[in-house]
Amino acid sequence: MKKVEAVIKPFKLDEVKEKLNEIGIKGITVSEVKGFGRQKGHTELYRGAEYVVDFLPKIKLEIIIPDNQLDDVVDAIMKSAQTGRIGDGKIFVTDLVDTIRIRTGERGEEAI
């Protein structure tokens, strides 16, 4: 099993969600997060005072999948989240040791 974490631009969420739904992904955890990378921040003006916005709003997706869906999921996220501009985000893939469904006690891929 794999855990796929993707950090994307907020306005791309619906497009990514639809693409993942098309390839059969049933469960996604979505969090509103803030951060920066190469995009850095930007300067804004508020009541005549200038200040730096270091952390930009992003969306973090967490998806648990069987190994055989990895390429399809990564491909779907890349194609639907890409704008071609700086700050499109990142995808992180990690191996998952176990998954347990609390309600039934199912483990592994049956619990996804």
Protein backbone atom coordinates (compact mmCIF):
# COMPACT_ATOMS: atom_id res chain seq x y z
CA MET A 1 0.00 0.00 0.00
CA LYS A 2 1.03 3.59 -0.58
CA LYS A 3 0.19 6.93 0.95
CA VAL A 4 0.08 9.73 -1.60
CA GLU A 5 0.23 13.28 -0.27
CA ALA A 6 -0.24 16.13 -2.71
CA VAL A 7 0.01 19.85 -2.02
CA ILE A 8 -1.85 21.81 -4.69
CA LYS A 9 -3.31 25.23 -5.41
CA PRO A 10 -6.74 25.65 -3.79
CA PHE A 11 -8.63 26.44 -7.02
CA LYS A 12 -7.49 23.10 -8.51
CA LEU A 13 -9.18 20.95 -5.84
CA ASP A 14 -12.43 20.26 -7.72
CA GLU A 15 -10.60 19.34 -10.91
CA VAL A 16 -8.25 16.96 -9.06
CA LYS A 17 -11.13 15.41 -7.11
CA GLU A 18 -13.12 14.76 -10.32
CA LYS A 19 -10.10 13.18 -12.03
CA LEU A 20 -9.43 10.91 -9.03
CA ASN A 21 -13.12 9.94 -8.94
CA GLU A 22 -12.93 9.00 -12.64
CA ILE A 23 -10.14 6.49 -11.94
CA GLY A 24 -12.04 4.94 -9.02
CA ILE A 25 -10.53 6.61 -5.96
CA LYS A 26 -13.19 6.55 -3.26
CA GLY A 27 -11.52 8.21 -0.27
CA ILE A 28 -9.52 11.41 0.06
CA THR A 29 -8.59 13.47 3.10
CA VAL A 30 -8.40 17.19 2.34
CA SER A 31 -6.78 19.82 4.57
CA GLU A 32 -6.34 23.54 4.14
CA VAL A 33 -2.68 24.29 4.80
CA LYS A 34 -0.22 27.14 4.35
CA GLY A 35 3.35 27.02 3.17
CA PHE A 36 5.92 28.11 0.67
CA GLY A 37 8.72 26.71 -1.42
CA ARG A 38 10.30 28.26 -4.46
CA GLN A 39 7.20 30.39 -4.84
CA LYS A 40 8.21 32.24 -1.66
CA GLY A 41 5.70 34.78 -0.46
CA HIS A 42 4.64 38.15 -1.72
CA THR A 43 4.27 41.69 -0.43
CA GLU A 44 0.84 43.19 0.25
CA LEU A 45 -0.39 46.61 1.26
CA TYR A 46 -2.82 46.92 4.18
CA ARG A 47 -3.98 50.32 5.45
CA GLY A 48 -0.95 51.95 3.94
CA ALA A 49 1.51 49.56 5.56
CA GLU A 50 3.47 47.04 3.54
CA TYR A 51 3.92 43.51 4.87
CA VAL A 52 5.21 40.19 3.60
CA VAL A 53 2.91 37.19 3.26
CA ASP A 54 5.31 34.27 3.75
CA PHE A 55 2.86 31.39 3.87
CA LEU A 56 0.51 30.95 0.94
CA PRO A 57 -2.77 29.02 1.14
CA LYS A 58 -2.59 25.50 -0.29
CA ILE A 59 -4.64 22.30 -0.22
CA LYS A 60 -3.15 19.04 1.03
CA LEU A 61 -4.65 15.77 -0.21
CA GLU A 62 -3.95 12.44 1.47
CA ILE A 63 -4.87 9.27 -0.39
CA ILE A 64 -4.27 5.66 0.66
CA ILE A 65 -4.13 3.24 -2.26
CA PRO A 66 -3.02 -0.27 -3.25
CA ASP A 67 0.39 -0.35 -4.95
CA ASN A 68 -1.13 -1.08 -8.38
CA GLN A 69 -2.99 2.28 -8.46
CA LEU A 70 0.05 4.45 -7.80
CA ASP A 71 0.89 5.44 -11.37
CA ASP A 72 -2.74 6.25 -12.22
CA VAL A 73 -3.18 8.40 -9.09
CA VAL A 74 0.07 10.33 -9.56
CA ASP A 75 -0.74 10.86 -13.24
CA ALA A 76 -4.27 12.08 -12.47
CA ILE A 77 -3.03 14.57 -9.87
CA MET A 78 -0.24 15.88 -12.10
CA LYS A 79 -2.47 16.39 -15.13
CA SER A 80 -5.34 18.03 -13.25
CA ALA A 81 -3.32 20.20 -10.82
CA GLN A 82 -0.78 21.56 -13.27
CA THR A 83 -1.02 25.19 -14.38
CA GLY A 84 2.55 25.47 -15.64
CA ARG A 85 3.28 28.27 -13.19
CA ILE A 86 5.41 28.32 -10.08
CA GLY A 87 3.61 27.03 -6.98
CA ASP A 88 1.71 24.17 -8.65
CA GLY A 89 2.68 21.97 -5.72
CA LYS A 90 4.31 18.65 -4.96
CA ILE A 91 3.38 14.98 -4.67
CA PHE A 92 4.92 12.77 -1.98
CA VAL A 93 4.66 8.97 -2.04
CA THR A 94 5.45 6.80 1.00
CA ASP A 95 5.13 3.09 1.73
CA LEU A 96 2.38 2.24 4.18
CA VAL A 97 2.94 -0.57 6.66
CA ASP A 98 -0.68 -1.18 7.63
CA THR A 99 -4.20 0.22 7.53
CA ILE A 100 -6.90 -0.69 10.05
CA ARG A 101 -10.61 0.08 9.72
CA ILE A 102 -11.67 0.92 13.27
CA ARG A 103 -15.32 -0.09 12.86
CA THR A 104 -14.68 -3.64 11.59
CA GLY A 105 -11.07 -4.39 12.44
CA GLU A 106 -10.24 -5.07 8.78
CA ARG A 107 -6.56 -4.67 7.95
CA GLY A 108 -4.46 -3.99 4.89
CA GLU A 109 -6.02 -3.36 1.50
CA GLU A 110 -9.43 -4.54 2.73
CA ALA A 111 -9.47 -1.54 5.06
CA ILE A 112 -8.86 1.04 2.33
